[in-house]
Amino acid sequence: MTIRDDHALAADLASEAGERLLRIRERLGFGDAPALKAEGDRASHVFLMESLARLRPSDSVLSEEATREERLDPRRLAADRVWIVDPLDGTREFSERRAGPGSGSLRNQDGAEGSATISAEEGRADWAVHVALWERGQLTAGAVALPAQGRTLSTAEPPKPPAYDGGRFRIAVSRTRPPEFVQKLAYLAGADLVPIGSAGAKISAVLTGEVEAYVHAGGQYEWDSAAPVAVALAAGAHASRIDGSQLTYNQADPSLPDILVSLPELAASLLAGIRDLHR
């Protein structure tokens, strides 16, 4: 892997972790979902932790798969640079079949990271790998690999979201637990709800034009959104808490329970609608 800077590093690591996950899914198949989830989480976490320890030895890391003791390590809170990673965002989707074939050769947005196509059988494609860098209060680099979709979105070359045309729009929501207020929001705003798997896949869908917004409340953590938010902000999209306040990272408590990511033209009206529903 060629490492140029933090942006390229995030993209390279997310892409390589994604390739490894595709190979794991190909090797193990879907017969034992818990075993597939466990091996995917473990292998991707080990790869990312070992790679960051080798390539950025002075930086701290916050990973979803870290132990409680590692997450509470006070050195992370005092660090100037912290990598926030989700080795496998969407373990449910990673371990589930879907109708139709799915395969992909993972590549970055500029097409520079090509590789041999790896069959993913009929597995779902709405899962991701997240790698983000937080520096002194800000997200400064990030990448979201969508391995089964054959692409990686990153701050190295941010995607260009399509402009909103003023018509009916789409809001990405959780497949399994869409917030009730989002259903009311969609009704009032004249929007359609689109169930998508992982948080990274949903935010990426905003950036690639599959939906125009993503609204969630009810529980997430920093690793669920750090990388996709870094890419969204670099791409010019709106990203905030559902009350409009800033998303903050590298906190002692990594809980970050709600989020709004949208095309910038829709942010004000969505925030106003959310405020009205919470009065």
C-alpha atoms as a PDB file:
ATOM      1  CA  MET A   1       0.000   0.000   0.000  1.00  0.00           C
ATOM      2  CA  THR A   2       1.300   3.478  -0.880  1.00  0.00           C
ATOM      3  CA  ILE A   3       1.040   5.994   1.947  1.00  0.00           C
ATOM      4  CA  ARG A   4       1.214   9.680   0.980  1.00  0.00           C
ATOM      5  CA  ASP A   5      -0.510  11.596   3.800  1.00  0.00           C
ATOM      6  CA  ASP A   6      -3.287  11.218   6.373  1.00  0.00           C
ATOM      7  CA  HIS A   7      -6.041  11.445   3.749  1.00  0.00           C
ATOM      8  CA  ALA A   8      -4.420   8.752   1.626  1.00  0.00           C
ATOM      9  CA  LEU A   9      -3.673   6.657   4.687  1.00  0.00           C
ATOM     10  CA  ALA A  10      -7.314   6.668   5.757  1.00  0.00           C
ATOM     11  CA  ALA A  11      -8.413   5.651   2.265  1.00  0.00           C
ATOM     12  CA  ASP A  12      -5.733   2.976   1.905  1.00  0.00           C
ATOM     13  CA  LEU A  13      -6.458   1.383   5.260  1.00  0.00           C
ATOM     14  CA  ALA A  14     -10.238   1.404   4.832  1.00  0.00           C
ATOM     15  CA  SER A  15      -9.916  -0.049   1.330  1.00  0.00           C
ATOM     16  CA  GLU A  16      -7.511  -2.811   2.371  1.00  0.00           C
ATOM     17  CA  ALA A  17      -9.651  -3.719   5.391  1.00  0.00           C
ATOM     18  CA  GLY A  18     -12.628  -3.919   3.051  1.00  0.00           C
ATOM     19  CA  GLU A  19     -10.782  -6.257   0.687  1.00  0.00           C
ATOM     20  CA  ARG A  20      -9.944  -8.510   3.610  1.00  0.00           C
ATOM     21  CA  LEU A  21     -13.567  -8.561   4.735  1.00  0.00           C
ATOM     22  CA  LEU A  22     -14.718  -9.559   1.250  1.00  0.00           C
ATOM     23  CA  ARG A  23     -12.267 -12.450   1.322  1.00  0.00           C
ATOM     24  CA  ILE A  24     -13.486 -13.521   4.763  1.00  0.00           C
ATOM     25  CA  ARG A  25     -17.092 -13.490   3.573  1.00  0.00           C
ATOM     26  CA  GLU A  26     -16.141 -15.470   0.489  1.00  0.00           C
ATOM     27  CA  ARG A  27     -14.253 -18.013   2.568  1.00  0.00           C
ATOM     28  CA  LEU A  28     -16.774 -18.515   5.386  1.00  0.00           C
ATOM     29  CA  GLY A  29     -20.036 -18.009   3.501  1.00  0.00           C
ATOM     30  CA  PHE A  30     -23.344 -17.273   5.216  1.00  0.00           C
ATOM     31  CA  GLY A  31     -24.025 -20.571   6.950  1.00  0.00           C
ATOM     32  CA  ASP A  32     -22.997 -19.347  10.419  1.00  0.00           C
ATOM     33  CA  ALA A  33     -23.817 -15.639  10.739  1.00  0.00           C
ATOM     34  CA  PRO A  34     -22.449 -15.184  14.304  1.00  0.00           C
ATOM     35  CA  ALA A  35     -19.129 -16.731  13.317  1.00  0.00           C
ATOM     36  CA  LEU A  36     -18.927 -14.563  10.190  1.00  0.00           C
ATOM     37  CA  LYS A  37     -19.644 -11.414  12.195  1.00  0.00           C
ATOM     38  CA  ALA A  38     -17.105 -12.295  14.858  1.00  0.00           C
ATOM     39  CA  GLU A  39     -14.320 -13.113  12.389  1.00  0.00           C
ATOM     40  CA  GLY A  40     -15.005  -9.992  10.325  1.00  0.00           C
ATOM     41  CA  ASP A  41     -14.917  -7.726  13.376  1.00  0.00           C
ATOM     42  CA  ARG A  42     -11.795  -9.383  14.764  1.00  0.00           C
ATOM     43  CA  ALA A  43      -9.731  -9.529  11.594  1.00  0.00           C
ATOM     44  CA  SER A  44     -10.515  -5.993  10.463  1.00  0.00           C
ATOM     45  CA  HIS A  45      -9.814  -4.580  13.938  1.00  0.00           C
ATOM     46  CA  VAL A  46      -6.482  -6.372  14.188  1.00  0.00           C
ATOM     47  CA  PHE A  47      -5.437  -5.190  10.726  1.00  0.00           C
ATOM     48  CA  LEU A  48      -6.317  -1.549  11.433  1.00  0.00           C
ATOM     49  CA  MET A  49      -4.747  -1.488  14.893  1.00  0.00           C
ATOM     50  CA  GLU A  50      -1.513  -3.123  13.721  1.00  0.00           C
ATOM     51  CA  SER A  51      -1.315  -0.861  10.661  1.00  0.00           C
ATOM     52  CA  LEU A  52      -1.837   2.339  12.652  1.00  0.00           C
ATOM     53  CA  ALA A  53       0.646   1.221  15.308  1.00  0.00           C
ATOM     54  CA  ARG A  54       3.233   0.713  12.565  1.00  0.00           C
ATOM     55  CA  LEU A  55       2.465   3.734  10.380  1.00  0.00           C
ATOM     56  CA  ARG A  56       1.381   6.304  12.989  1.00  0.00           C
ATOM     57  CA  PRO A  57       2.991   5.036  16.208  1.00  0.00           C
ATOM     58  CA  SER A  58       2.606   8.317  18.116  1.00  0.00           C
ATOM     59  CA  ASP A  59      -1.159   8.603  17.501  1.00  0.00           C
ATOM     60  CA  SER A  60      -3.955   7.288  19.705  1.00  0.00           C
ATOM     61  CA  VAL A  61      -6.786   5.088  18.410  1.00  0.00           C
ATOM     62  CA  LEU A  62     -10.446   4.729  19.380  1.00  0.00           C
ATOM     63  CA  SER A  63     -11.984   1.603  17.858  1.00  0.00           C
ATOM     64  CA  GLU A  64     -15.429   0.088  18.241  1.00  0.00           C
ATOM     65  CA  GLU A  65     -13.755  -3.240  18.933  1.00  0.00           C
ATOM     66  CA  ALA A  66     -11.444  -1.893  21.625  1.00  0.00           C
ATOM     67  CA  THR A  67     -11.753  -3.171  25.177  1.00  0.00           C
ATOM     68  CA  ARG A  68     -13.413  -1.011  27.839  1.00  0.00           C
ATOM     69  CA  GLU A  69      -9.993  -0.307  29.343  1.00  0.00           C
ATOM     70  CA  GLU A  70      -8.625   0.824  25.971  1.00  0.00           C
ATOM     71  CA  ARG A  71     -11.600   3.134  25.415  1.00  0.00           C
ATOM     72  CA  LEU A  72     -11.132   4.709  28.871  1.00  0.00           C
ATOM     73  CA  ASP A  73      -7.383   5.205  28.469  1.00  0.00           C
ATOM     74  CA  PRO A  74      -6.801   8.838  29.579  1.00  0.00           C
ATOM     75  CA  ARG A  75      -3.956   9.229  27.099  1.00  0.00           C
ATOM     76  CA  ARG A  76      -6.501   9.316  24.281  1.00  0.00           C
ATOM     77  CA  LEU A  77      -8.243  12.365  25.738  1.00  0.00           C
ATOM     78  CA  ALA A  78      -4.938  14.206  26.076  1.00  0.00           C
ATOM     79  CA  ALA A  79      -3.707  13.284  22.589  1.00  0.00           C
ATOM     80  CA  ASP A  80      -3.513  15.783  19.730  1.00  0.00           C
ATOM     81  CA  ARG A  81      -4.218  13.099  17.113  1.00  0.00           C
ATOM     82  CA  VAL A  82      -6.707  10.259  17.489  1.00  0.00           C
ATOM     83  CA  TRP A  83      -7.789   7.786  14.817  1.00  0.00           C
ATOM     84  CA  ILE A  84     -11.458   6.834  15.222  1.00  0.00           C
ATOM     85  CA  VAL A  85     -12.250   3.577  13.446  1.00  0.00           C
ATOM     86  CA  ASP A  86     -15.112   1.187  12.951  1.00  0.00           C
ATOM     87  CA  PRO A  87     -13.549  -1.989  11.559  1.00  0.00           C
ATOM     88  CA  LEU A  88     -16.927  -3.298  10.354  1.00  0.00           C
ATOM     89  CA  ASP A  89     -19.869  -0.906  10.306  1.00  0.00           C
ATOM     90  CA  GLY A  90     -22.960  -3.017   9.757  1.00  0.00           C
ATOM     91  CA  THR A  91     -22.132  -6.507  10.968  1.00  0.00           C
ATOM     92  CA  ARG A  92     -25.751  -7.543  10.397  1.00  0.00           C
ATOM     93  CA  GLU A  93     -25.619  -6.560   6.733  1.00  0.00           C
ATOM     94  CA  PHE A  94     -22.145  -8.074   6.317  1.00  0.00           C
ATOM     95  CA  SER A  95     -23.516 -11.449   7.425  1.00  0.00           C
ATOM     96  CA  GLU A  96     -26.797 -11.408   5.478  1.00  0.00           C
ATOM     97  CA  ARG A  97     -27.685 -12.605   2.008  1.00  0.00           C
ATOM     98  CA  ARG A  98     -29.518 -10.469  -0.520  1.00  0.00           C
ATOM     99  CA  ALA A  99     -31.337 -11.215  -3.750  1.00  0.00           C
ATOM    100  CA  GLY A 100     -29.040 -11.115  -6.746  1.00  0.00           C
ATOM    101  CA  PRO A 101     -25.256 -11.276  -7.142  1.00  0.00           C
ATOM    102  CA  GLY A 102     -22.840  -8.980  -5.389  1.00  0.00           C
ATOM    103  CA  SER A 103     -19.199  -8.573  -6.189  1.00  0.00           C
ATOM    104  CA  GLY A 104     -16.687  -5.813  -6.245  1.00  0.00           C
ATOM    105  CA  SER A 105     -13.157  -4.747  -6.882  1.00  0.00           C
ATOM    106  CA  LEU A 106     -12.463  -2.089  -4.267  1.00  0.00           C
ATOM    107  CA  ARG A 107     -11.121   1.210  -5.574  1.00  0.00           C
ATOM    108  CA  ASN A 108     -10.721   4.758  -4.419  1.00  0.00           C
ATOM    109  CA  GLN A 109     -12.591   7.595  -6.101  1.00  0.00           C
ATOM    110  CA  ASP A 110      -9.770   8.301  -8.533  1.00  0.00           C
ATOM    111  CA  GLY A 111      -9.683   4.642  -9.530  1.00  0.00           C
ATOM    112  CA  ALA A 112      -6.059   4.289  -8.425  1.00  0.00           C
ATOM    113  CA  GLU A 113      -6.684   1.427  -6.021  1.00  0.00           C
ATOM    114  CA  GLY A 114      -7.708  -1.427  -8.294  1.00  0.00           C
ATOM    115  CA  SER A 115      -7.622  -5.107  -7.445  1.00  0.00           C
ATOM    116  CA  ALA A 116      -8.935  -8.447  -8.586  1.00  0.00           C
ATOM    117  CA  THR A 117     -12.668  -8.860  -8.338  1.00  0.00           C
ATOM    118  CA  ILE A 118     -13.772 -10.880  -5.291  1.00  0.00           C
ATOM    119  CA  SER A 119     -17.139 -12.565  -5.447  1.00  0.00           C
ATOM    120  CA  ALA A 120     -19.317 -11.679  -2.467  1.00  0.00           C
ATOM    121  CA  GLU A 121     -21.914 -14.326  -3.360  1.00  0.00           C
ATOM    122  CA  GLU A 122     -25.337 -12.853  -2.727  1.00  0.00           C
ATOM    123  CA  GLY A 123     -24.320 -10.809   0.326  1.00  0.00           C
ATOM    124  CA  ARG A 124     -25.755  -7.422   1.138  1.00  0.00           C
ATOM    125  CA  ALA A 125     -23.751  -4.375   0.052  1.00  0.00           C
ATOM    126  CA  ASP A 126     -24.827  -1.774   2.663  1.00  0.00           C
ATOM    127  CA  TRP A 127     -21.959  -2.174   5.154  1.00  0.00           C
ATOM    128  CA  ALA A 128     -18.705  -0.285   5.474  1.00  0.00           C
ATOM    129  CA  VAL A 129     -15.282   0.236   7.020  1.00  0.00           C
ATOM    130  CA  HIS A 130     -14.606   3.595   8.715  1.00  0.00           C
ATOM    131  CA  VAL A 131     -11.222   5.247   9.279  1.00  0.00           C
ATOM    132  CA  ALA A 132     -11.117   8.865  10.516  1.00  0.00           C
ATOM    133  CA  LEU A 133      -8.513  11.179  12.020  1.00  0.00           C
ATOM    134  CA  TRP A 134      -9.402  13.691  14.739  1.00  0.00           C
ATOM    135  CA  GLU A 135      -6.899  16.455  15.443  1.00  0.00           C
ATOM    136  CA  ARG A 136      -7.211  19.071  18.202  1.00  0.00           C
ATOM    137  CA  GLY A 137     -10.974  19.229  18.147  1.00  0.00           C
ATOM    138  CA  GLN A 138     -11.683  18.644  14.450  1.00  0.00           C
ATOM    139  CA  LEU A 139     -12.063  15.756  12.035  1.00  0.00           C
ATOM    140  CA  THR A 140      -9.266  16.322   9.523  1.00  0.00           C
ATOM    141  CA  ALA A 141      -9.228  13.163   7.395  1.00  0.00           C
ATOM    142  CA  GLY A 142     -11.471  10.197   6.793  1.00  0.00           C
ATOM    143  CA  ALA A 143     -12.536   7.416   4.499  1.00  0.00           C
ATOM    144  CA  VAL A 144     -15.534   5.120   4.172  1.00  0.00           C
ATOM    145  CA  ALA A 145     -14.922   1.912   2.268  1.00  0.00           C
ATOM    146  CA  LEU A 146     -18.016   0.277   0.800  1.00  0.00           C
ATOM    147  CA  PRO A 147     -16.351  -2.994  -0.152  1.00  0.00           C
ATOM    148  CA  ALA A 148     -19.312  -4.826  -1.685  1.00  0.00           C
ATOM    149  CA  GLN A 149     -20.111  -1.713  -3.741  1.00  0.00           C
ATOM    150  CA  GLY A 150     -16.550  -1.526  -5.041  1.00  0.00           C
ATOM    151  CA  ARG A 151     -15.774   2.008  -3.888  1.00  0.00           C
ATOM    152  CA  THR A 152     -14.187   4.095  -1.164  1.00  0.00           C
ATOM    153  CA  LEU A 153     -15.261   7.672  -0.420  1.00  0.00           C
ATOM    154  CA  SER A 154     -12.598   9.792   1.231  1.00  0.00           C
ATOM    155  CA  THR A 155     -11.348  13.248   2.078  1.00  0.00           C
ATOM    156  CA  ALA A 156      -8.424  12.605  -0.272  1.00  0.00           C
ATOM    157  CA  GLU A 157     -10.811  13.412  -3.124  1.00  0.00           C
ATOM    158  CA  PRO A 158     -14.219  14.279  -1.671  1.00  0.00           C
ATOM    159  CA  PRO A 159     -17.256  13.242  -3.716  1.00  0.00           C
ATOM    160  CA  LYS A 160     -19.454  15.908  -5.277  1.00  0.00           C
ATOM    161  CA  PRO A 161     -23.055  15.459  -4.104  1.00  0.00           C
ATOM    162  CA  PRO A 162     -25.691  16.300  -6.710  1.00  0.00           C
ATOM    163  CA  ALA A 163     -27.534  19.588  -6.308  1.00  0.00           C
ATOM    164  CA  TYR A 164     -31.042  19.403  -4.895  1.00  0.00           C
ATOM    165  CA  ASP A 165     -33.613  20.086  -7.614  1.00  0.00           C
ATOM    166  CA  GLY A 166     -36.349  21.282  -5.279  1.00  0.00           C
ATOM    167  CA  GLY A 167     -38.617  18.271  -5.715  1.00  0.00           C
ATOM    168  CA  ARG A 168     -39.640  15.418  -3.473  1.00  0.00           C
ATOM    169  CA  PHE A 169     -36.637  14.066  -1.613  1.00  0.00           C
ATOM    170  CA  ARG A 170     -35.522  10.902   0.158  1.00  0.00           C
ATOM    171  CA  ILE A 171     -34.395  10.325   3.741  1.00  0.00           C
ATOM    172  CA  ALA A 172     -32.235   7.316   4.630  1.00  0.00           C
ATOM    173  CA  VAL A 173     -33.328   5.540   7.800  1.00  0.00           C
ATOM    174  CA  SER A 174     -32.389   2.458   9.765  1.00  0.00           C
ATOM    175  CA  ARG A 175     -33.567  -0.865   8.347  1.00  0.00           C
ATOM    176  CA  THR A 176     -34.446  -2.167  11.796  1.00  0.00           C
ATOM    177  CA  ARG A 177     -35.211   0.814  14.056  1.00  0.00           C
ATOM    178  CA  PRO A 178     -36.285   3.972  12.197  1.00  0.00           C
ATOM    179  CA  PRO A 179     -37.137   6.714  14.730  1.00  0.00           C
ATOM    180  CA  GLU A 180     -40.852   7.433  14.946  1.00  0.00           C
ATOM    181  CA  PHE A 181     -40.314  11.168  14.646  1.00  0.00           C
ATOM    182  CA  VAL A 182     -38.494  10.679  11.324  1.00  0.00           C
ATOM    183  CA  GLN A 183     -41.603   9.018   9.912  1.00  0.00           C
ATOM    184  CA  LYS A 184     -43.605  12.073  10.998  1.00  0.00           C
ATOM    185  CA  LEU A 185     -40.927  14.382   9.604  1.00  0.00           C
ATOM    186  CA  ALA A 186     -41.056  12.647   6.231  1.00  0.00           C
ATOM    187  CA  TYR A 187     -44.850  12.960   6.135  1.00  0.00           C
ATOM    188  CA  LEU A 188     -44.746  16.681   6.913  1.00  0.00           C
ATOM    189  CA  ALA A 189     -41.868  17.379   4.524  1.00  0.00           C
ATOM    190  CA  GLY A 190     -43.277  15.291   1.678  1.00  0.00           C
ATOM    191  CA  ALA A 191     -40.252  12.979   1.693  1.00  0.00           C
ATOM    192  CA  ASP A 192     -39.836   9.267   1.090  1.00  0.00           C
ATOM    193  CA  LEU A 193     -38.073   6.996   3.596  1.00  0.00           C
ATOM    194  CA  VAL A 194     -35.355   4.692   2.253  1.00  0.00           C
ATOM    195  CA  PRO A 195     -34.183   1.887   4.584  1.00  0.00           C
ATOM    196  CA  ILE A 196     -30.417   1.325   4.317  1.00  0.00           C
ATOM    197  CA  GLY A 197     -28.124  -0.758   6.501  1.00  0.00           C
ATOM    198  CA  SER A 198     -25.096   0.725   8.239  1.00  0.00           C
ATOM    199  CA  ALA A 199     -24.599   4.366   9.212  1.00  0.00           C
ATOM    200  CA  GLY A 200     -21.674   4.655   6.838  1.00  0.00           C
ATOM    201  CA  ALA A 201     -23.746   3.308   3.963  1.00  0.00           C
ATOM    202  CA  LYS A 202     -26.549   5.764   4.744  1.00  0.00           C
ATOM    203  CA  ILE A 203     -24.299   8.824   4.897  1.00  0.00           C
ATOM    204  CA  SER A 204     -22.495   7.682   1.759  1.00  0.00           C
ATOM    205  CA  ALA A 205     -25.885   7.431   0.032  1.00  0.00           C
ATOM    206  CA  VAL A 206     -26.379  11.162   0.675  1.00  0.00           C
ATOM    207  CA  LEU A 207     -23.047  11.911  -0.969  1.00  0.00           C
ATOM    208  CA  THR A 208     -23.642   9.707  -3.999  1.00  0.00           C
ATOM    209  CA  GLY A 209     -27.175  10.919  -4.752  1.00  0.00           C
ATOM    210  CA  GLU A 210     -29.141   7.835  -3.700  1.00  0.00           C
ATOM    211  CA  VAL A 211     -30.879   9.901  -1.000  1.00  0.00           C
ATOM    212  CA  GLU A 212     -30.819  13.551   0.001  1.00  0.00           C
ATOM    213  CA  ALA A 213     -30.716  13.244   3.800  1.00  0.00           C
ATOM    214  CA  TYR A 214     -30.061  10.917   6.718  1.00  0.00           C
ATOM    215  CA  VAL A 215     -31.706  11.459  10.098  1.00  0.00           C
ATOM    216  CA  HIS A 216     -31.159   9.264  13.136  1.00  0.00           C
ATOM    217  CA  ALA A 217     -31.856   9.386  16.850  1.00  0.00           C
ATOM    218  CA  GLY A 218     -31.801   6.594  19.368  1.00  0.00           C
ATOM    219  CA  GLY A 219     -28.200   5.676  19.882  1.00  0.00           C
ATOM    220  CA  GLN A 220     -24.857   5.718  18.079  1.00  0.00           C
ATOM    221  CA  TYR A 221     -21.212   6.143  18.997  1.00  0.00           C
ATOM    222  CA  GLU A 222     -18.364   8.236  17.651  1.00  0.00           C
ATOM    223  CA  TRP A 223     -17.014   5.422  15.460  1.00  0.00           C
ATOM    224  CA  ASP A 224     -20.405   5.079  13.741  1.00  0.00           C
ATOM    225  CA  SER A 225     -20.165   8.542  12.186  1.00  0.00           C
ATOM    226  CA  ALA A 226     -16.652  10.032  12.451  1.00  0.00           C
ATOM    227  CA  ALA A 227     -15.331   8.841   9.084  1.00  0.00           C
ATOM    228  CA  PRO A 228     -18.514   9.421   7.039  1.00  0.00           C
ATOM    229  CA  VAL A 229     -18.990  12.843   8.660  1.00  0.00           C
ATOM    230  CA  ALA A 230     -15.392  13.778   7.803  1.00  0.00           C
ATOM    231  CA  VAL A 231     -16.077  12.903   4.169  1.00  0.00           C
ATOM    232  CA  ALA A 232     -19.491  14.621   4.192  1.00  0.00           C
ATOM    233  CA  LEU A 233     -18.065  17.879   5.537  1.00  0.00           C
ATOM    234  CA  ALA A 234     -15.196  17.780   3.043  1.00  0.00           C
ATOM    235  CA  ALA A 235     -17.792  17.276   0.292  1.00  0.00           C
ATOM    236  CA  GLY A 236     -19.768  20.355   1.384  1.00  0.00           C
ATOM    237  CA  ALA A 237     -22.719  18.509   2.891  1.00  0.00           C
ATOM    238  CA  HIS A 238     -24.394  19.487   6.153  1.00  0.00           C
ATOM    239  CA  ALA A 239     -23.654  17.370   9.242  1.00  0.00           C
ATOM    240  CA  SER A 240     -24.821  18.118  12.783  1.00  0.00           C
ATOM    241  CA  ARG A 241     -26.774  16.874  15.767  1.00  0.00           C
ATOM    242  CA  ILE A 242     -30.541  16.959  15.192  1.00  0.00           C
ATOM    243  CA  ASP A 243     -30.755  20.165  17.265  1.00  0.00           C
ATOM    244  CA  GLY A 244     -28.273  21.818  14.913  1.00  0.00           C
ATOM    245  CA  SER A 245     -25.334  21.700  17.317  1.00  0.00           C
ATOM    246  CA  GLN A 246     -21.886  20.536  16.275  1.00  0.00           C
ATOM    247  CA  LEU A 247     -20.921  16.880  16.262  1.00  0.00           C
ATOM    248  CA  THR A 248     -17.998  16.515  18.666  1.00  0.00           C
ATOM    249  CA  TYR A 249     -15.513  13.650  18.798  1.00  0.00           C
ATOM    250  CA  ASN A 250     -12.831  12.181  21.045  1.00  0.00           C
ATOM    251  CA  GLN A 251     -14.951  12.625  24.161  1.00  0.00           C
ATOM    252  CA  ALA A 252     -14.631  10.665  27.406  1.00  0.00           C
ATOM    253  CA  ASP A 253     -18.061   9.175  26.691  1.00  0.00           C
ATOM    254  CA  PRO A 254     -18.092   8.144  23.012  1.00  0.00           C
ATOM    255  CA  SER A 255     -21.894   8.085  22.835  1.00  0.00           C
ATOM    256  CA  LEU A 256     -23.215  10.329  20.054  1.00  0.00           C
ATOM    257  CA  PRO A 257     -26.925   9.518  19.990  1.00  0.00           C
ATOM    258  CA  ASP A 258     -28.303  11.485  17.040  1.00  0.00           C
ATOM    259  CA  ILE A 259     -27.251  12.919  13.708  1.00  0.00           C
ATOM    260  CA  LEU A 260     -28.451  14.790  10.621  1.00  0.00           C
ATOM    261  CA  VAL A 261     -26.546  14.638   7.346  1.00  0.00           C
ATOM    262  CA  SER A 262     -28.100  16.239   4.295  1.00  0.00           C
ATOM    263  CA  LEU A 263     -27.553  18.227   1.173  1.00  0.00           C
ATOM    264  CA  PRO A 264     -26.910  21.800   2.361  1.00  0.00           C
ATOM    265  CA  GLU A 265     -30.061  23.123   0.686  1.00  0.00           C
ATOM    266  CA  LEU A 266     -32.258  20.945   2.902  1.00  0.00           C
ATOM    267  CA  ALA A 267     -30.573  21.426   6.278  1.00  0.00           C
ATOM    268  CA  ALA A 268     -32.469  24.489   7.491  1.00  0.00           C
ATOM    269  CA  SER A 269     -35.908  23.100   6.679  1.00  0.00           C
ATOM    270  CA  LEU A 270     -35.108  19.698   8.173  1.00  0.00           C
ATOM    271  CA  LEU A 271     -33.795  21.234  11.396  1.00  0.00           C
ATOM    272  CA  ALA A 272     -36.899  23.444  11.632  1.00  0.00           C
ATOM    273  CA  GLY A 273     -39.141  20.432  11.095  1.00  0.00           C
ATOM    274  CA  ILE A 274     -37.310  18.452  13.772  1.00  0.00           C
ATOM    275  CA  ARG A 275     -37.628  21.356  16.223  1.00  0.00           C
ATOM    276  CA  ASP A 276     -41.366  21.579  15.547  1.00  0.00           C
ATOM    277  CA  LEU A 277     -41.838  17.861  16.194  1.00  0.00           C
ATOM    278  CA  HIS A 278     -39.947  18.042  19.501  1.00  0.00           C
ATOM    279  CA  ARG A 279     -41.894  20.943  20.971  1.00  0.00           C
END
